[in-house]
Amino acid sequence: MKESDPLDSWELESDQLGLLDASDSEVVAKFYSPLEADLAAAKLRSEGIVCFLANTASQHVQTQIMNMVRLHVRKADRDRAREILQDFLPEPESDSGSVWVGMLIILGIVAIIWLVGYAIRALLA
């Protein structure tokens, strides 16, 4: 009997994937978070799109490595799935504000170090 891992293996029978043939599937999204991937897959399933997640097992085994979880759908459902996910997933936030905050924090730390050094020199003089 052939052993198979339904999470990461392409050597599956079509009925193990909910009638999704691995050769007829396409990746529509990639996630760093297994939770986010599960939510996206649940949304697609609720819309009637058969899908599966690949590479989820390695997320739990190799937690120190940032592996991407891949969301697969039928090639015929690709465009509809991407449209649903585009509306479902949050827009990435711009990092321009966080860059400025980071720069101000670094500038503040440098200023504090300079002032402490100046105060120590003034006390020793």
N, C-alpha and C. Protein backbone atom coordinates (compact mmCIF):
# COMPACT_ATOMS: atom_id res chain seq x y z
N MET A 1 0.85 -1.19 0.00
CA MET A 1 0.00 0.00 0.00
C MET A 1 0.88 1.24 0.00
N LYS A 2 0.55 2.18 -0.79
CA LYS A 2 1.33 3.40 -0.93
C LYS A 2 0.98 4.38 0.20
N GLU A 3 2.02 4.84 0.93
CA GLU A 3 1.80 5.83 1.98
C GLU A 3 1.75 7.21 1.36
N SER A 4 0.89 8.07 1.89
CA SER A 4 0.82 9.44 1.37
C SER A 4 0.54 10.41 2.51
N ASP A 5 1.05 11.59 2.35
CA ASP A 5 0.82 12.67 3.30
C ASP A 5 -0.13 13.66 2.64
N PRO A 6 -1.36 13.75 3.09
CA PRO A 6 -2.33 14.61 2.41
C PRO A 6 -2.00 16.09 2.49
N LEU A 7 -1.05 16.49 3.31
CA LEU A 7 -0.73 17.91 3.42
C LEU A 7 0.31 18.37 2.42
N ASP A 8 1.29 17.55 2.11
CA ASP A 8 2.40 18.00 1.29
C ASP A 8 2.70 17.14 0.08
N SER A 9 2.01 16.06 -0.11
CA SER A 9 2.36 15.14 -1.17
C SER A 9 1.50 15.36 -2.41
N TRP A 10 2.13 15.20 -3.56
CA TRP A 10 1.41 15.25 -4.82
C TRP A 10 0.98 13.85 -5.25
N GLU A 11 1.35 12.84 -4.52
CA GLU A 11 1.04 11.45 -4.86
C GLU A 11 -0.26 11.03 -4.19
N LEU A 12 -1.32 11.74 -4.44
CA LEU A 12 -2.60 11.47 -3.79
C LEU A 12 -3.64 11.00 -4.81
N GLU A 13 -4.57 10.24 -4.31
CA GLU A 13 -5.72 9.89 -5.12
C GLU A 13 -6.65 11.10 -5.14
N SER A 14 -7.39 11.28 -6.22
CA SER A 14 -8.22 12.48 -6.35
C SER A 14 -9.29 12.57 -5.26
N ASP A 15 -9.78 11.42 -4.76
CA ASP A 15 -10.81 11.49 -3.74
C ASP A 15 -10.26 11.96 -2.40
N GLN A 16 -8.94 11.88 -2.16
CA GLN A 16 -8.36 12.37 -0.92
C GLN A 16 -8.34 13.90 -0.88
N LEU A 17 -8.44 14.54 -2.02
CA LEU A 17 -8.40 15.99 -2.09
C LEU A 17 -9.77 16.59 -2.35
N GLY A 18 -10.81 15.85 -2.13
CA GLY A 18 -12.14 16.37 -2.39
C GLY A 18 -12.38 16.57 -3.87
N LEU A 19 -12.02 15.58 -4.67
CA LEU A 19 -12.17 15.58 -6.12
C LEU A 19 -11.28 16.61 -6.81
N LEU A 20 -10.23 17.04 -6.18
CA LEU A 20 -9.27 17.98 -6.78
C LEU A 20 -8.05 17.19 -7.21
N ASP A 21 -7.80 17.15 -8.49
CA ASP A 21 -6.65 16.45 -9.05
C ASP A 21 -5.43 17.35 -8.92
N ALA A 22 -4.34 16.83 -8.36
CA ALA A 22 -3.15 17.64 -8.12
C ALA A 22 -2.57 18.21 -9.41
N SER A 23 -2.71 17.49 -10.52
CA SER A 23 -2.17 18.00 -11.78
C SER A 23 -3.07 19.09 -12.36
N ASP A 24 -4.29 19.21 -11.85
CA ASP A 24 -5.23 20.22 -12.33
C ASP A 24 -5.34 21.38 -11.35
N SER A 25 -4.41 21.50 -10.40
CA SER A 25 -4.50 22.56 -9.40
C SER A 25 -3.47 23.64 -9.66
N GLU A 26 -3.73 24.78 -9.07
CA GLU A 26 -2.83 25.92 -9.21
C GLU A 26 -2.80 26.69 -7.89
N VAL A 27 -1.63 27.22 -7.55
CA VAL A 27 -1.48 28.02 -6.33
C VAL A 27 -2.08 29.39 -6.58
N VAL A 28 -3.02 29.79 -5.72
CA VAL A 28 -3.64 31.11 -5.86
C VAL A 28 -3.18 32.08 -4.79
N ALA A 29 -2.58 31.57 -3.71
CA ALA A 29 -2.09 32.45 -2.66
C ALA A 29 -1.05 31.71 -1.83
N LYS A 30 -0.16 32.49 -1.22
CA LYS A 30 0.86 31.96 -0.31
C LYS A 30 0.80 32.76 0.98
N PHE A 31 0.97 32.04 2.10
CA PHE A 31 0.85 32.67 3.41
C PHE A 31 2.01 32.25 4.30
N TYR A 32 2.46 33.16 5.15
CA TYR A 32 3.44 32.81 6.18
C TYR A 32 2.74 32.23 7.40
N SER A 33 1.50 32.60 7.60
CA SER A 33 0.75 32.17 8.77
C SER A 33 -0.21 31.04 8.40
N PRO A 34 -0.10 29.88 9.06
CA PRO A 34 -1.05 28.80 8.81
C PRO A 34 -2.48 29.20 9.16
N LEU A 35 -2.64 30.05 10.17
CA LEU A 35 -3.98 30.50 10.55
C LEU A 35 -4.61 31.33 9.43
N GLU A 36 -3.85 32.24 8.86
CA GLU A 36 -4.36 33.05 7.76
C GLU A 36 -4.69 32.17 6.55
N ALA A 37 -3.86 31.18 6.29
CA ALA A 37 -4.11 30.25 5.19
C ALA A 37 -5.39 29.46 5.43
N ASP A 38 -5.61 29.00 6.67
CA ASP A 38 -6.83 28.27 7.00
C ASP A 38 -8.08 29.14 6.81
N LEU A 39 -7.98 30.41 7.21
CA LEU A 39 -9.12 31.32 7.04
C LEU A 39 -9.43 31.54 5.55
N ALA A 40 -8.39 31.72 4.75
CA ALA A 40 -8.61 31.92 3.32
C ALA A 40 -9.21 30.66 2.68
N ALA A 41 -8.70 29.48 3.07
CA ALA A 41 -9.25 28.23 2.54
C ALA A 41 -10.71 28.05 2.96
N ALA A 42 -11.02 28.40 4.20
CA ALA A 42 -12.41 28.29 4.67
C ALA A 42 -13.33 29.22 3.88
N LYS A 43 -12.84 30.41 3.58
CA LYS A 43 -13.64 31.35 2.79
C LYS A 43 -13.91 30.78 1.40
N LEU A 44 -12.89 30.23 0.76
CA LEU A 44 -13.09 29.65 -0.57
C LEU A 44 -14.05 28.48 -0.52
N ARG A 45 -13.91 27.64 0.49
CA ARG A 45 -14.81 26.48 0.62
C ARG A 45 -16.25 26.93 0.86
N SER A 46 -16.42 28.03 1.62
CA SER A 46 -17.77 28.53 1.86
C SER A 46 -18.40 29.08 0.58
N GLU A 47 -17.56 29.45 -0.38
CA GLU A 47 -18.05 29.94 -1.68
C GLU A 47 -18.18 28.80 -2.69
N GLY A 48 -17.94 27.56 -2.25
CA GLY A 48 -18.11 26.40 -3.12
C GLY A 48 -16.89 26.05 -3.95
N ILE A 49 -15.74 26.60 -3.62
CA ILE A 49 -14.52 26.31 -4.36
C ILE A 49 -13.72 25.25 -3.60
N VAL A 50 -13.44 24.14 -4.27
CA VAL A 50 -12.65 23.07 -3.67
C VAL A 50 -11.20 23.52 -3.64
N CYS A 51 -10.55 23.40 -2.48
CA CYS A 51 -9.16 23.83 -2.36
C CYS A 51 -8.44 22.98 -1.32
N PHE A 52 -7.13 23.07 -1.31
CA PHE A 52 -6.35 22.41 -0.26
C PHE A 52 -5.09 23.24 0.02
N LEU A 53 -4.55 23.04 1.21
CA LEU A 53 -3.34 23.74 1.65
C LEU A 53 -2.16 22.79 1.57
N ALA A 54 -1.05 23.26 1.07
CA ALA A 54 0.18 22.48 1.02
C ALA A 54 1.23 23.13 1.88
N ASN A 55 2.07 22.32 2.51
CA ASN A 55 3.19 22.77 3.32
C ASN A 55 2.78 23.20 4.72
N THR A 56 1.64 22.76 5.19
CA THR A 56 1.22 23.15 6.54
C THR A 56 1.95 22.36 7.62
N ALA A 57 2.30 21.12 7.33
CA ALA A 57 2.98 20.30 8.34
C ALA A 57 4.35 20.86 8.69
N SER A 58 5.06 21.36 7.71
CA SER A 58 6.40 21.88 7.98
C SER A 58 6.35 23.15 8.82
N GLN A 59 5.23 23.86 8.82
CA GLN A 59 5.10 25.05 9.66
C GLN A 59 5.16 24.67 11.14
N HIS A 60 4.64 23.50 11.49
CA HIS A 60 4.61 23.08 12.88
C HIS A 60 5.88 22.34 13.29
N VAL A 61 6.54 21.71 12.34
CA VAL A 61 7.74 20.95 12.64
C VAL A 61 8.98 21.85 12.66
N GLN A 62 9.06 22.74 11.70
CA GLN A 62 10.22 23.64 11.58
C GLN A 62 9.77 25.07 11.86
N THR A 63 9.46 25.36 13.11
CA THR A 63 8.92 26.67 13.44
C THR A 63 9.92 27.80 13.29
N GLN A 64 11.21 27.49 13.34
CA GLN A 64 12.22 28.53 13.21
C GLN A 64 12.41 28.96 11.75
N ILE A 65 11.91 28.20 10.82
CA ILE A 65 12.04 28.52 9.40
C ILE A 65 10.70 29.06 8.91
N MET A 66 10.73 30.17 8.21
CA MET A 66 9.50 30.76 7.68
C MET A 66 9.13 30.09 6.36
N ASN A 67 8.41 29.00 6.43
CA ASN A 67 7.92 28.31 5.24
C ASN A 67 6.58 28.90 4.85
N MET A 68 6.33 28.92 3.58
CA MET A 68 5.08 29.46 3.09
C MET A 68 4.06 28.35 2.88
N VAL A 69 2.85 28.58 3.34
CA VAL A 69 1.74 27.66 3.11
C VAL A 69 1.10 28.07 1.78
N ARG A 70 0.92 27.10 0.91
CA ARG A 70 0.36 27.37 -0.42
C ARG A 70 -1.10 26.93 -0.48
N LEU A 71 -1.93 27.79 -1.03
CA LEU A 71 -3.35 27.51 -1.20
C LEU A 71 -3.61 27.15 -2.66
N HIS A 72 -4.06 25.91 -2.89
CA HIS A 72 -4.29 25.39 -4.24
C HIS A 72 -5.79 25.31 -4.53
N VAL A 73 -6.16 25.62 -5.77
CA VAL A 73 -7.53 25.44 -6.27
C VAL A 73 -7.47 24.83 -7.66
N ARG A 74 -8.62 24.42 -8.18
CA ARG A 74 -8.68 23.95 -9.57
C ARG A 74 -8.31 25.09 -10.50
N LYS A 75 -7.68 24.76 -11.61
CA LYS A 75 -7.33 25.79 -12.60
C LYS A 75 -8.57 26.51 -13.10
N ALA A 76 -9.67 25.79 -13.21
CA ALA A 76 -10.92 26.40 -13.68
C ALA A 76 -11.46 27.43 -12.69
N ASP A 77 -11.15 27.26 -11.39
CA ASP A 77 -11.65 28.18 -10.35
C ASP A 77 -10.64 29.27 -9.99
N ARG A 78 -9.51 29.30 -10.67
CA ARG A 78 -8.41 30.22 -10.32
C ARG A 78 -8.85 31.68 -10.26
N ASP A 79 -9.48 32.17 -11.32
CA ASP A 79 -9.83 33.60 -11.37
C ASP A 79 -10.87 33.96 -10.31
N ARG A 80 -11.87 33.11 -10.15
CA ARG A 80 -12.91 33.37 -9.14
C ARG A 80 -12.31 33.33 -7.73
N ALA A 81 -11.41 32.39 -7.48
CA ALA A 81 -10.77 32.28 -6.17
C ALA A 81 -9.94 33.52 -5.87
N ARG A 82 -9.18 33.97 -6.85
CA ARG A 82 -8.36 35.19 -6.64
C ARG A 82 -9.24 36.41 -6.38
N GLU A 83 -10.37 36.48 -7.07
CA GLU A 83 -11.29 37.60 -6.85
C GLU A 83 -11.86 37.56 -5.43
N ILE A 84 -12.25 36.38 -4.98
CA ILE A 84 -12.79 36.23 -3.62
C ILE A 84 -11.72 36.57 -2.59
N LEU A 85 -10.51 36.06 -2.80
CA LEU A 85 -9.44 36.33 -1.85
C LEU A 85 -9.04 37.80 -1.84
N GLN A 86 -9.11 38.45 -2.98
CA GLN A 86 -8.76 39.87 -3.04
C GLN A 86 -9.72 40.68 -2.17
N ASP A 87 -10.99 40.32 -2.20
CA ASP A 87 -11.98 41.02 -1.37
C ASP A 87 -11.89 40.60 0.09
N PHE A 88 -11.46 39.37 0.34
CA PHE A 88 -11.45 38.81 1.70
C PHE A 88 -10.22 39.21 2.50
N LEU A 89 -9.05 39.15 1.87
CA LEU A 89 -7.81 39.41 2.59
C LEU A 89 -7.59 40.90 2.78
N PRO A 90 -7.04 41.31 3.94
CA PRO A 90 -6.82 42.73 4.17
C PRO A 90 -5.72 43.28 3.26
N GLU A 91 -5.85 44.54 2.92
CA GLU A 91 -4.82 45.20 2.13
C GLU A 91 -3.56 45.35 2.98
N PRO A 92 -2.38 45.13 2.39
CA PRO A 92 -1.16 45.34 3.17
C PRO A 92 -1.03 46.82 3.52
N GLU A 93 -0.70 47.05 4.77
CA GLU A 93 -0.55 48.42 5.23
C GLU A 93 0.77 48.99 4.74
N SER A 94 0.76 50.27 4.45
CA SER A 94 2.01 50.91 4.03
C SER A 94 2.92 51.05 5.23
N ASP A 95 4.18 50.83 5.02
CA ASP A 95 5.15 50.88 6.10
C ASP A 95 5.79 52.25 6.26
N SER A 96 5.32 53.25 5.52
CA SER A 96 5.97 54.56 5.59
C SER A 96 5.86 55.16 6.99
N GLY A 97 4.72 54.99 7.66
CA GLY A 97 4.57 55.52 9.01
C GLY A 97 5.47 54.80 10.00
N SER A 98 5.56 53.47 9.88
CA SER A 98 6.38 52.71 10.81
C SER A 98 7.87 52.97 10.60
N VAL A 99 8.26 53.31 9.37
CA VAL A 99 9.66 53.65 9.11
C VAL A 99 10.02 54.93 9.84
N TRP A 100 9.13 55.92 9.77
CA TRP A 100 9.39 57.18 10.47
C TRP A 100 9.43 56.99 11.98
N VAL A 101 8.55 56.18 12.50
CA VAL A 101 8.55 55.91 13.94
C VAL A 101 9.86 55.24 14.35
N GLY A 102 10.29 54.26 13.56
CA GLY A 102 11.56 53.59 13.85
C GLY A 102 12.73 54.54 13.81
N MET A 103 12.75 55.42 12.83
CA MET A 103 13.84 56.40 12.74
C MET A 103 13.83 57.35 13.93
N LEU A 104 12.65 57.78 14.37
CA LEU A 104 12.56 58.67 15.53
C LEU A 104 13.01 57.98 16.81
N ILE A 105 12.69 56.70 16.95
CA ILE A 105 13.14 55.96 18.13
C ILE A 105 14.66 55.86 18.15
N ILE A 106 15.24 55.53 17.01
CA ILE A 106 16.71 55.45 16.94
C ILE A 106 17.34 56.80 17.24
N LEU A 107 16.78 57.86 16.68
CA LEU A 107 17.30 59.21 16.93
C LEU A 107 17.19 59.56 18.41
N GLY A 108 16.10 59.19 19.05
CA GLY A 108 15.94 59.43 20.48
C GLY A 108 16.97 58.68 21.31
N ILE A 109 17.24 57.43 20.95
CA ILE A 109 18.23 56.64 21.69
C ILE A 109 19.61 57.26 21.53
N VAL A 110 19.96 57.68 20.32
CA VAL A 110 21.26 58.32 20.09
C VAL A 110 21.36 59.60 20.91
N ALA A 111 20.29 60.38 20.95
CA ALA A 111 20.30 61.63 21.72
C ALA A 111 20.48 61.36 23.21
N ILE A 112 19.82 60.33 23.72
CA ILE A 112 19.96 59.99 25.15
C ILE A 112 21.39 59.56 25.46
N ILE A 113 21.97 58.72 24.61
CA ILE A 113 23.35 58.28 24.82
C ILE A 113 24.29 59.48 24.80
N TRP A 114 24.09 60.39 23.87
CA TRP A 114 24.94 61.59 23.79
C TRP A 114 24.80 62.45 25.04
N LEU A 115 23.56 62.65 25.52
CA LEU A 115 23.34 63.47 26.72
C LEU A 115 23.94 62.82 27.97
N VAL A 116 23.80 61.50 28.10
CA VAL A 116 24.39 60.80 29.26
C VAL A 116 25.90 60.93 29.21
N GLY A 117 26.49 60.75 28.04
CA GLY A 117 27.93 60.91 27.90
C GLY A 117 28.39 62.33 28.23
N TYR A 118 27.63 63.30 27.79
CA TYR A 118 27.96 64.71 28.08
C TYR A 118 27.86 64.99 29.56
N ALA A 119 26.82 64.45 30.23
CA ALA A 119 26.66 64.65 31.67
C ALA A 119 27.78 63.99 32.45
N ILE A 120 28.21 62.81 32.06
CA ILE A 120 29.30 62.12 32.76
C ILE A 120 30.60 62.92 32.59
N ARG A 121 30.88 63.41 31.38
CA ARG A 121 32.08 64.24 31.18
C ARG A 121 32.03 65.50 31.99
N ALA A 122 30.86 66.11 32.13
CA ALA A 122 30.73 67.35 32.91
C ALA A 122 30.96 67.08 34.38
N LEU A 123 30.52 65.93 34.90
CA LEU A 123 30.71 65.59 36.31
C LEU A 123 32.19 65.27 36.61
N LEU A 124 32.86 64.64 35.66
CA LEU A 124 34.26 64.26 35.88
C LEU A 124 35.21 65.45 35.70
N ALA A 125 34.77 66.49 35.05
CA ALA A 125 35.67 67.62 34.81
C ALA A 125 35.79 68.56 35.96
